[in-house]
Amino acid sequence: MPKALWNDKVIAESEQVEIVEGNTYFPPGAIRKEHMGPSDTQTSCHWKGIASYFDVVVDGKVNKDAAWFYPDPKPEAKHIKDHVAFWRGVKIEQ
């Protein structure tokens, strides 16, 4: 089962992931919300829309903007609405 790990903690886990541009997007229910912290960061993708971010927090350590999601994606990306993907050292295991 795919899972996302940071600092040896599972922060997301699901068999129902979406792969887009090589990134694994986990559905909202698969995210361990206790490891997500608020972020005001947003970026834009020409075909997916505006991405919002979370800080990943484990044992008091913060990985700034290490998770992103599309709360209101463009029609071409509607299948990843609110799904969360990771980077900045978060490991994805299959």
C-alpha atoms as a PDB file:
ATOM      1  CA  MET A   1       0.000   0.000   0.000  1.00  0.00           C
ATOM      2  CA  PRO A   2       1.470   3.420  -0.902  1.00  0.00           C
ATOM      3  CA  LYS A   3       2.498   5.533   2.063  1.00  0.00           C
ATOM      4  CA  ALA A   4       4.221   8.857   2.680  1.00  0.00           C
ATOM      5  CA  LEU A   5       6.837   9.036   5.445  1.00  0.00           C
ATOM      6  CA  TRP A   6       8.812  11.844   7.008  1.00  0.00           C
ATOM      7  CA  ASN A   7      11.130  11.461  10.014  1.00  0.00           C
ATOM      8  CA  ASP A   8      10.110   7.787  10.212  1.00  0.00           C
ATOM      9  CA  LYS A   9       6.402   8.617  10.690  1.00  0.00           C
ATOM     10  CA  VAL A  10       3.644   7.631   8.293  1.00  0.00           C
ATOM     11  CA  ILE A  11       1.851  10.840   7.337  1.00  0.00           C
ATOM     12  CA  ALA A  12      -0.411   9.374   4.623  1.00  0.00           C
ATOM     13  CA  GLU A  13      -1.384   5.869   3.524  1.00  0.00           C
ATOM     14  CA  SER A  14      -3.889   4.587   0.954  1.00  0.00           C
ATOM     15  CA  GLU A  15      -4.432   2.059  -1.799  1.00  0.00           C
ATOM     16  CA  GLN A  16      -6.495   4.677  -3.667  1.00  0.00           C
ATOM     17  CA  VAL A  17      -3.820   7.126  -4.857  1.00  0.00           C
ATOM     18  CA  GLU A  18      -3.628   9.124  -8.088  1.00  0.00           C
ATOM     19  CA  ILE A  19      -0.332   9.487  -9.962  1.00  0.00           C
ATOM     20  CA  VAL A  20       0.051  12.776 -11.843  1.00  0.00           C
ATOM     21  CA  GLU A  21       3.318  13.919 -13.419  1.00  0.00           C
ATOM     22  CA  GLY A  22       5.208  11.383 -11.312  1.00  0.00           C
ATOM     23  CA  ASN A  23       3.711  12.628  -8.030  1.00  0.00           C
ATOM     24  CA  THR A  24       1.592  10.416  -5.768  1.00  0.00           C
ATOM     25  CA  TYR A  25      -1.596  12.175  -4.634  1.00  0.00           C
ATOM     26  CA  PHE A  26      -3.265  10.730  -1.536  1.00  0.00           C
ATOM     27  CA  PRO A  27      -7.021  11.157  -0.985  1.00  0.00           C
ATOM     28  CA  PRO A  28      -8.081  13.494   1.849  1.00  0.00           C
ATOM     29  CA  GLY A  29      -9.123  10.629   4.154  1.00  0.00           C
ATOM     30  CA  ALA A  30      -5.656   9.072   3.915  1.00  0.00           C
ATOM     31  CA  ILE A  31      -3.864  12.093   5.369  1.00  0.00           C
ATOM     32  CA  ARG A  32      -2.908  12.019   9.038  1.00  0.00           C
ATOM     33  CA  LYS A  33      -4.040  15.540   9.816  1.00  0.00           C
ATOM     34  CA  GLU A  34      -2.087  15.697  13.071  1.00  0.00           C
ATOM     35  CA  HIS A  35       1.027  15.958  10.877  1.00  0.00           C
ATOM     36  CA  MET A  36      -0.289  18.816   8.705  1.00  0.00           C
ATOM     37  CA  GLY A  37       0.312  22.411   9.743  1.00  0.00           C
ATOM     38  CA  PRO A  38      -1.095  25.576   8.184  1.00  0.00           C
ATOM     39  CA  SER A  39       0.685  27.414   5.378  1.00  0.00           C
ATOM     40  CA  ASP A  40      -0.276  30.528   3.426  1.00  0.00           C
ATOM     41  CA  THR A  41       1.761  29.457   0.386  1.00  0.00           C
ATOM     42  CA  GLN A  42       0.038  29.091  -2.983  1.00  0.00           C
ATOM     43  CA  THR A  43       1.410  28.383  -6.451  1.00  0.00           C
ATOM     44  CA  SER A  44      -0.137  28.113  -9.888  1.00  0.00           C
ATOM     45  CA  CYS A  45      -0.064  25.299 -12.429  1.00  0.00           C
ATOM     46  CA  HIS A  46      -1.166  26.102 -15.972  1.00  0.00           C
ATOM     47  CA  TRP A  47      -3.376  23.010 -16.255  1.00  0.00           C
ATOM     48  CA  LYS A  48      -4.209  22.039 -12.646  1.00  0.00           C
ATOM     49  CA  GLY A  49      -4.954  25.460 -11.151  1.00  0.00           C
ATOM     50  CA  ILE A  50      -3.956  27.038  -7.830  1.00  0.00           C
ATOM     51  CA  ALA A  51      -2.191  24.783  -5.318  1.00  0.00           C
ATOM     52  CA  SER A  52      -2.348  25.367  -1.579  1.00  0.00           C
ATOM     53  CA  TYR A  53       0.230  23.976   0.851  1.00  0.00           C
ATOM     54  CA  PHE A  54       0.650  22.404   4.281  1.00  0.00           C
ATOM     55  CA  ASP A  55       3.732  22.282   6.461  1.00  0.00           C
ATOM     56  CA  VAL A  56       4.520  18.698   7.489  1.00  0.00           C
ATOM     57  CA  VAL A  57       5.079  18.465  11.243  1.00  0.00           C
ATOM     58  CA  VAL A  58       6.545  15.429  13.040  1.00  0.00           C
ATOM     59  CA  ASP A  59       7.804  15.400  16.630  1.00  0.00           C
ATOM     60  CA  GLY A  60       8.033  19.189  16.708  1.00  0.00           C
ATOM     61  CA  LYS A  61      10.067  19.379  13.483  1.00  0.00           C
ATOM     62  CA  VAL A  62       8.574  21.381  10.605  1.00  0.00           C
ATOM     63  CA  ASN A  63       9.084  20.671   6.899  1.00  0.00           C
ATOM     64  CA  LYS A  64       7.850  23.947   5.399  1.00  0.00           C
ATOM     65  CA  ASP A  65       5.405  23.623   2.485  1.00  0.00           C
ATOM     66  CA  ALA A  66       6.214  19.918   2.012  1.00  0.00           C
ATOM     67  CA  ALA A  67       2.629  18.998   1.057  1.00  0.00           C
ATOM     68  CA  TRP A  68       0.357  20.510  -1.577  1.00  0.00           C
ATOM     69  CA  PHE A  69      -3.183  20.084  -2.835  1.00  0.00           C
ATOM     70  CA  TYR A  70      -5.692  21.626  -5.251  1.00  0.00           C
ATOM     71  CA  PRO A  71      -8.879  22.726  -3.435  1.00  0.00           C
ATOM     72  CA  ASP A  72     -10.499  23.981  -6.659  1.00  0.00           C
ATOM     73  CA  PRO A  73      -8.662  22.412  -9.615  1.00  0.00           C
ATOM     74  CA  LYS A  74      -9.314  23.108 -13.269  1.00  0.00           C
ATOM     75  CA  PRO A  75     -11.621  20.566 -14.984  1.00  0.00           C
ATOM     76  CA  GLU A  76      -8.669  18.570 -16.380  1.00  0.00           C
ATOM     77  CA  ALA A  77      -7.450  17.881 -12.823  1.00  0.00           C
ATOM     78  CA  LYS A  78     -10.769  17.379 -11.042  1.00  0.00           C
ATOM     79  CA  HIS A  79      -9.772  13.791 -10.139  1.00  0.00           C
ATOM     80  CA  ILE A  80      -7.146  15.146  -7.693  1.00  0.00           C
ATOM     81  CA  LYS A  81      -9.387  17.680  -5.922  1.00  0.00           C
ATOM     82  CA  ASP A  82      -8.214  17.909  -2.291  1.00  0.00           C
ATOM     83  CA  HIS A  83      -5.735  15.026  -2.781  1.00  0.00           C
ATOM     84  CA  VAL A  84      -2.354  15.712  -1.163  1.00  0.00           C
ATOM     85  CA  ALA A  85       1.091  15.198  -2.697  1.00  0.00           C
ATOM     86  CA  PHE A  86       4.476  15.561  -1.001  1.00  0.00           C
ATOM     87  CA  TRP A  87       8.068  16.615  -1.675  1.00  0.00           C
ATOM     88  CA  ARG A  88      11.042  18.115   0.226  1.00  0.00           C
ATOM     89  CA  GLY A  89      12.312  14.858   1.673  1.00  0.00           C
ATOM     90  CA  VAL A  90       8.983  13.118   2.243  1.00  0.00           C
ATOM     91  CA  LYS A  91       9.506   9.524   1.056  1.00  0.00           C
ATOM     92  CA  ILE A  92       6.824   7.714  -0.902  1.00  0.00           C
ATOM     93  CA  GLU A  93       6.872   3.929  -0.532  1.00  0.00           C
ATOM     94  CA  GLN A  94       4.772   1.674  -2.741  1.00  0.00           C
END
